[in-house]
Amino acid sequence: MALGEVLDPTAVRADDDGSPGPAAGPLAGKTVGFRLDEIWRAWDWVVDLWAAELVAAGARVRRWRSHQGRTGEAGARIAQELEAFIDEIDVAVVGLGNCGSCTGWTIRDALACAAAGLPTTAVCTAAFEELGRQLARHGGRAGLRIHVLPYPLNERAREEVEAVARAHFPGLLATMGAELAPAAAAVAR
């Protein structure tokens, strides 16, 4: 009779970083990078509203759209684009975890941003929050900041999504550990 070894799938990595990483702090004068995807139109609408709020408070905004084809030449190109995006920003907001594979890529890209030392927040919908947290743990960053939006989101009309975005903006700032200051105050510093 052969013996087998059973591994505990709930084990914590020995090298896990349980901290959330650096807080975003005051955002005026910083470049906040939003990682978009090619699937969720509602995430584009949320980012449009949040970006306008950040720009009004003196931040700069950069958007980068990821793609699902992450193998071969396309995968190498996307990896280079992600590295360039990371180099151009001070703070990362990565979304949207709204299905299994999208959540996987969201967390993977958020982990890359966090590994580069950026204040990083991943955004998932409520139905995929636990998957996002599990993936962050398995990626060695159990403390990754994750902001949760309601589910379903993409099936809502634009006006409803924008209302959700407005309602969640203060919570996003709290999750990021961010502070807003009016643009005039930022210039005076």
C-alpha atoms as a PDB file:
ATOM      1  CA  MET A   1       0.000   0.000   0.000  1.00  0.00           C
ATOM      2  CA  ALA A   2       1.365   3.399  -1.044  1.00  0.00           C
ATOM      3  CA  LEU A   3       1.371   6.307   1.348  1.00  0.00           C
ATOM      4  CA  GLY A   4       0.497   9.828   0.286  1.00  0.00           C
ATOM      5  CA  GLU A   5       0.990  13.216   1.827  1.00  0.00           C
ATOM      6  CA  VAL A   6      -1.987  15.505   2.330  1.00  0.00           C
ATOM      7  CA  LEU A   7      -1.236  19.217   2.155  1.00  0.00           C
ATOM      8  CA  ASP A   8      -3.292  21.799   4.007  1.00  0.00           C
ATOM      9  CA  PRO A   9      -4.765  24.161   1.375  1.00  0.00           C
ATOM     10  CA  THR A  10      -5.501  26.737   4.070  1.00  0.00           C
ATOM     11  CA  ALA A  11      -1.902  27.035   5.225  1.00  0.00           C
ATOM     12  CA  VAL A  12      -0.376  30.495   5.386  1.00  0.00           C
ATOM     13  CA  ARG A  13       2.803  31.174   3.447  1.00  0.00           C
ATOM     14  CA  ALA A  14       5.884  31.515   5.606  1.00  0.00           C
ATOM     15  CA  ASP A  15       6.879  34.605   3.607  1.00  0.00           C
ATOM     16  CA  ASP A  16       3.446  36.233   3.748  1.00  0.00           C
ATOM     17  CA  ASP A  17       3.346  39.999   4.092  1.00  0.00           C
ATOM     18  CA  GLY A  18       0.304  40.657   6.249  1.00  0.00           C
ATOM     19  CA  SER A  19       0.684  44.433   6.107  1.00  0.00           C
ATOM     20  CA  PRO A  20      -1.432  46.524   3.741  1.00  0.00           C
ATOM     21  CA  GLY A  21       1.701  48.244   2.473  1.00  0.00           C
ATOM     22  CA  PRO A  22       2.197  51.990   2.487  1.00  0.00           C
ATOM     23  CA  ALA A  23      -0.793  54.286   2.773  1.00  0.00           C
ATOM     24  CA  ALA A  24      -1.421  56.596  -0.157  1.00  0.00           C
ATOM     25  CA  GLY A  25      -1.341  59.678   2.091  1.00  0.00           C
ATOM     26  CA  PRO A  26      -2.073  63.119   0.628  1.00  0.00           C
ATOM     27  CA  LEU A  27      -2.935  62.684  -3.061  1.00  0.00           C
ATOM     28  CA  ALA A  28      -2.450  66.256  -4.289  1.00  0.00           C
ATOM     29  CA  GLY A  29       0.527  66.318  -6.639  1.00  0.00           C
ATOM     30  CA  LYS A  30       0.687  62.523  -6.944  1.00  0.00           C
ATOM     31  CA  THR A  31      -0.158  60.393  -9.962  1.00  0.00           C
ATOM     32  CA  VAL A  32      -2.885  57.871  -9.214  1.00  0.00           C
ATOM     33  CA  GLY A  33      -2.904  55.005 -11.681  1.00  0.00           C
ATOM     34  CA  PHE A  34      -6.116  53.176 -12.482  1.00  0.00           C
ATOM     35  CA  ARG A  35      -5.692  49.742 -13.994  1.00  0.00           C
ATOM     36  CA  LEU A  36      -8.714  49.039 -16.190  1.00  0.00           C
ATOM     37  CA  ASP A  37      -9.715  45.871 -18.001  1.00  0.00           C
ATOM     38  CA  GLU A  38     -11.319  45.147 -21.336  1.00  0.00           C
ATOM     39  CA  ILE A  39     -14.554  43.675 -20.010  1.00  0.00           C
ATOM     40  CA  TRP A  40     -16.370  45.718 -17.360  1.00  0.00           C
ATOM     41  CA  ARG A  41     -17.889  48.958 -18.684  1.00  0.00           C
ATOM     42  CA  ALA A  42     -19.159  49.761 -15.183  1.00  0.00           C
ATOM     43  CA  TRP A  43     -15.548  49.873 -13.947  1.00  0.00           C
ATOM     44  CA  ASP A  44     -14.766  52.467 -16.635  1.00  0.00           C
ATOM     45  CA  TRP A  45     -17.683  54.568 -15.374  1.00  0.00           C
ATOM     46  CA  VAL A  46     -16.546  54.249 -11.747  1.00  0.00           C
ATOM     47  CA  VAL A  47     -12.997  55.234 -12.687  1.00  0.00           C
ATOM     48  CA  ASP A  48     -14.250  58.215 -14.706  1.00  0.00           C
ATOM     49  CA  LEU A  49     -16.042  59.586 -11.648  1.00  0.00           C
ATOM     50  CA  TRP A  50     -13.261  58.803  -9.166  1.00  0.00           C
ATOM     51  CA  ALA A  51     -10.620  60.250 -11.509  1.00  0.00           C
ATOM     52  CA  ALA A  52     -12.553  63.519 -11.818  1.00  0.00           C
ATOM     53  CA  GLU A  53     -12.699  63.790  -8.012  1.00  0.00           C
ATOM     54  CA  LEU A  54      -8.967  63.164  -7.709  1.00  0.00           C
ATOM     55  CA  VAL A  55      -8.044  65.675 -10.412  1.00  0.00           C
ATOM     56  CA  ALA A  56     -10.257  68.284  -8.717  1.00  0.00           C
ATOM     57  CA  ALA A  57      -8.248  67.676  -5.542  1.00  0.00           C
ATOM     58  CA  GLY A  58      -4.905  68.213  -7.281  1.00  0.00           C
ATOM     59  CA  ALA A  59      -3.886  64.678  -8.218  1.00  0.00           C
ATOM     60  CA  ARG A  60      -2.890  63.509 -11.672  1.00  0.00           C
ATOM     61  CA  VAL A  61      -4.547  60.417 -13.099  1.00  0.00           C
ATOM     62  CA  ARG A  62      -3.129  57.804 -15.427  1.00  0.00           C
ATOM     63  CA  ARG A  63      -5.166  54.933 -16.868  1.00  0.00           C
ATOM     64  CA  TRP A  64      -3.836  51.639 -18.223  1.00  0.00           C
ATOM     65  CA  ARG A  65      -6.047  48.993 -19.797  1.00  0.00           C
ATOM     66  CA  SER A  66      -5.005  45.396 -19.307  1.00  0.00           C
ATOM     67  CA  HIS A  67      -6.016  42.597 -21.640  1.00  0.00           C
ATOM     68  CA  GLN A  68      -6.861  38.956 -21.010  1.00  0.00           C
ATOM     69  CA  GLY A  69      -4.396  37.516 -23.552  1.00  0.00           C
ATOM     70  CA  ARG A  70      -1.416  37.013 -21.267  1.00  0.00           C
ATOM     71  CA  THR A  71       0.529  34.303 -23.109  1.00  0.00           C
ATOM     72  CA  GLY A  72       3.192  34.351 -25.784  1.00  0.00           C
ATOM     73  CA  GLU A  73       4.147  37.630 -27.430  1.00  0.00           C
ATOM     74  CA  ALA A  74       0.952  39.332 -26.268  1.00  0.00           C
ATOM     75  CA  GLY A  75       1.673  38.312 -22.685  1.00  0.00           C
ATOM     76  CA  ALA A  76       5.223  39.655 -22.869  1.00  0.00           C
ATOM     77  CA  ARG A  77       3.948  42.949 -24.312  1.00  0.00           C
ATOM     78  CA  ILE A  78       1.322  43.304 -21.573  1.00  0.00           C
ATOM     79  CA  ALA A  79       3.919  42.550 -18.872  1.00  0.00           C
ATOM     80  CA  GLN A  80       6.114  45.342 -20.277  1.00  0.00           C
ATOM     81  CA  GLU A  81       3.141  47.721 -20.389  1.00  0.00           C
ATOM     82  CA  LEU A  82       2.351  46.919 -16.741  1.00  0.00           C
ATOM     83  CA  GLU A  83       5.963  47.602 -15.730  1.00  0.00           C
ATOM     84  CA  ALA A  84       5.897  50.943 -17.577  1.00  0.00           C
ATOM     85  CA  PHE A  85       2.567  51.819 -15.920  1.00  0.00           C
ATOM     86  CA  ILE A  86       4.003  51.036 -12.477  1.00  0.00           C
ATOM     87  CA  ASP A  87       7.017  53.259 -13.195  1.00  0.00           C
ATOM     88  CA  GLU A  88       4.745  56.217 -14.106  1.00  0.00           C
ATOM     89  CA  ILE A  89       2.498  56.265 -11.033  1.00  0.00           C
ATOM     90  CA  ASP A  90       2.712  56.970  -7.310  1.00  0.00           C
ATOM     91  CA  VAL A  91      -0.450  55.126  -6.220  1.00  0.00           C
ATOM     92  CA  ALA A  92      -2.222  52.139  -7.815  1.00  0.00           C
ATOM     93  CA  VAL A  93      -5.944  51.326  -7.922  1.00  0.00           C
ATOM     94  CA  VAL A  94      -6.440  48.010  -9.702  1.00  0.00           C
ATOM     95  CA  GLY A  95      -9.753  46.571 -10.847  1.00  0.00           C
ATOM     96  CA  LEU A  96     -12.093  45.056 -11.436  1.00  0.00           C
ATOM     97  CA  GLY A  97     -12.446  41.710  -9.688  1.00  0.00           C
ATOM     98  CA  ASN A  98     -15.917  40.843 -10.961  1.00  0.00           C
ATOM     99  CA  CYS A  99     -15.527  37.255 -12.187  1.00  0.00           C
ATOM    100  CA  GLY A 100     -13.084  34.433 -11.503  1.00  0.00           C
ATOM    101  CA  SER A 101     -10.434  35.210 -14.102  1.00  0.00           C
ATOM    102  CA  CYS A 102     -10.872  38.986 -13.773  1.00  0.00           C
ATOM    103  CA  THR A 103     -10.355  38.719 -10.039  1.00  0.00           C
ATOM    104  CA  GLY A 104      -7.258  36.598 -10.616  1.00  0.00           C
ATOM    105  CA  TRP A 105      -5.715  39.166 -12.968  1.00  0.00           C
ATOM    106  CA  THR A 106      -6.790  42.058 -10.753  1.00  0.00           C
ATOM    107  CA  ILE A 107      -5.027  40.577  -7.742  1.00  0.00           C
ATOM    108  CA  ARG A 108      -2.000  39.523  -9.796  1.00  0.00           C
ATOM    109  CA  ASP A 109      -1.547  43.065 -11.127  1.00  0.00           C
ATOM    110  CA  ALA A 110      -2.203  44.570  -7.687  1.00  0.00           C
ATOM    111  CA  LEU A 111       0.477  42.296  -6.213  1.00  0.00           C
ATOM    112  CA  ALA A 112       2.917  43.508  -8.883  1.00  0.00           C
ATOM    113  CA  CYS A 113       2.161  47.121  -7.944  1.00  0.00           C
ATOM    114  CA  ALA A 114       2.530  46.376  -4.236  1.00  0.00           C
ATOM    115  CA  ALA A 115       5.801  44.501  -4.838  1.00  0.00           C
ATOM    116  CA  ALA A 116       7.126  47.663  -6.510  1.00  0.00           C
ATOM    117  CA  GLY A 117       6.465  49.529  -3.242  1.00  0.00           C
ATOM    118  CA  LEU A 118       3.401  51.449  -4.438  1.00  0.00           C
ATOM    119  CA  PRO A 119       0.435  52.152  -2.179  1.00  0.00           C
ATOM    120  CA  THR A 120      -1.965  49.699  -3.822  1.00  0.00           C
ATOM    121  CA  THR A 121      -5.675  49.004  -3.599  1.00  0.00           C
ATOM    122  CA  ALA A 122      -7.438  46.237  -5.514  1.00  0.00           C
ATOM    123  CA  VAL A 123     -11.154  46.682  -6.228  1.00  0.00           C
ATOM    124  CA  CYS A 124     -13.530  43.713  -6.290  1.00  0.00           C
ATOM    125  CA  THR A 125     -17.276  43.351  -6.240  1.00  0.00           C
ATOM    126  CA  ALA A 126     -18.836  41.733  -3.173  1.00  0.00           C
ATOM    127  CA  ALA A 127     -19.370  38.365  -4.865  1.00  0.00           C
ATOM    128  CA  PHE A 128     -15.616  38.102  -5.503  1.00  0.00           C
ATOM    129  CA  GLU A 129     -14.221  39.684  -2.343  1.00  0.00           C
ATOM    130  CA  GLU A 130     -13.348  36.389  -0.682  1.00  0.00           C
ATOM    131  CA  LEU A 131     -11.693  35.058  -3.846  1.00  0.00           C
ATOM    132  CA  GLY A 132      -9.656  38.260  -4.034  1.00  0.00           C
ATOM    133  CA  ARG A 133      -8.559  37.904  -0.419  1.00  0.00           C
ATOM    134  CA  GLN A 134      -7.662  34.224  -0.921  1.00  0.00           C
ATOM    135  CA  LEU A 135      -5.638  35.031  -4.039  1.00  0.00           C
ATOM    136  CA  ALA A 136      -3.818  37.821  -2.199  1.00  0.00           C
ATOM    137  CA  ARG A 137      -2.975  35.360   0.614  1.00  0.00           C
ATOM    138  CA  HIS A 138      -1.758  32.760  -1.874  1.00  0.00           C
ATOM    139  CA  GLY A 139       0.294  35.480  -3.560  1.00  0.00           C
ATOM    140  CA  GLY A 140       2.048  36.233  -0.275  1.00  0.00           C
ATOM    141  CA  ARG A 141       0.293  39.508   0.492  1.00  0.00           C
ATOM    142  CA  ALA A 142      -2.582  38.710   2.863  1.00  0.00           C
ATOM    143  CA  GLY A 143      -2.783  42.355   3.911  1.00  0.00           C
ATOM    144  CA  LEU A 144      -3.414  43.702   0.402  1.00  0.00           C
ATOM    145  CA  ARG A 145      -5.888  46.585   0.515  1.00  0.00           C
ATOM    146  CA  ILE A 146      -9.153  45.550  -1.154  1.00  0.00           C
ATOM    147  CA  HIS A 147     -12.069  47.917  -1.647  1.00  0.00           C
ATOM    148  CA  VAL A 148     -15.415  46.215  -2.218  1.00  0.00           C
ATOM    149  CA  LEU A 149     -18.149  47.476  -4.556  1.00  0.00           C
ATOM    150  CA  PRO A 150     -21.651  45.978  -4.654  1.00  0.00           C
ATOM    151  CA  TYR A 151     -22.567  43.065  -6.890  1.00  0.00           C
ATOM    152  CA  PRO A 152     -24.012  43.027  -9.472  1.00  0.00           C
ATOM    153  CA  LEU A 153     -22.518  46.214 -10.845  1.00  0.00           C
ATOM    154  CA  ASN A 154     -22.049  45.832 -14.589  1.00  0.00           C
ATOM    155  CA  GLU A 155     -25.721  45.043 -15.153  1.00  0.00           C
ATOM    156  CA  ARG A 156     -26.791  48.434 -13.770  1.00  0.00           C
ATOM    157  CA  ALA A 157     -27.552  51.554 -15.792  1.00  0.00           C
ATOM    158  CA  ARG A 158     -24.804  54.181 -15.940  1.00  0.00           C
ATOM    159  CA  GLU A 159     -26.690  56.523 -13.574  1.00  0.00           C
ATOM    160  CA  GLU A 160     -26.928  53.760 -10.957  1.00  0.00           C
ATOM    161  CA  VAL A 161     -23.239  52.902 -11.321  1.00  0.00           C
ATOM    162  CA  GLU A 162     -22.274  56.557 -10.949  1.00  0.00           C
ATOM    163  CA  ALA A 163     -24.372  56.764  -7.768  1.00  0.00           C
ATOM    164  CA  VAL A 164     -22.492  53.717  -6.428  1.00  0.00           C
ATOM    165  CA  ALA A 165     -19.174  55.334  -7.387  1.00  0.00           C
ATOM    166  CA  ARG A 166     -20.072  58.573  -5.574  1.00  0.00           C
ATOM    167  CA  ALA A 167     -21.225  56.665  -2.488  1.00  0.00           C
ATOM    168  CA  HIS A 168     -18.035  54.559  -2.429  1.00  0.00           C
ATOM    169  CA  PHE A 169     -15.484  57.301  -3.050  1.00  0.00           C
ATOM    170  CA  PRO A 170     -14.989  58.168   0.660  1.00  0.00           C
ATOM    171  CA  GLY A 171     -14.620  54.451   1.431  1.00  0.00           C
ATOM    172  CA  LEU A 172     -12.079  54.055  -1.348  1.00  0.00           C
ATOM    173  CA  LEU A 173     -10.025  56.890   0.133  1.00  0.00           C
ATOM    174  CA  ALA A 174     -10.196  55.226   3.553  1.00  0.00           C
ATOM    175  CA  THR A 175      -9.138  51.864   2.122  1.00  0.00           C
ATOM    176  CA  MET A 176      -6.237  53.545   0.302  1.00  0.00           C
ATOM    177  CA  GLY A 177      -5.166  55.430   3.419  1.00  0.00           C
ATOM    178  CA  ALA A 178      -5.485  58.564   1.297  1.00  0.00           C
ATOM    179  CA  GLU A 179      -6.207  62.199   2.046  1.00  0.00           C
ATOM    180  CA  LEU A 180      -7.637  64.841  -0.242  1.00  0.00           C
ATOM    181  CA  ALA A 181      -6.727  68.473  -0.047  1.00  0.00           C
ATOM    182  CA  PRO A 182      -8.135  71.160  -2.290  1.00  0.00           C
ATOM    183  CA  ALA A 183      -5.870  71.840  -5.270  1.00  0.00           C
ATOM    184  CA  ALA A 184      -5.224  75.401  -4.043  1.00  0.00           C
ATOM    185  CA  ALA A 185      -3.974  74.090  -0.695  1.00  0.00           C
ATOM    186  CA  ALA A 186      -1.737  71.583  -2.460  1.00  0.00           C
ATOM    187  CA  VAL A 187      -0.119  74.342  -4.507  1.00  0.00           C
ATOM    188  CA  ALA A 188       0.486  76.405  -1.359  1.00  0.00           C
ATOM    189  CA  ARG A 189       2.511  73.609   0.288  1.00  0.00           C
END
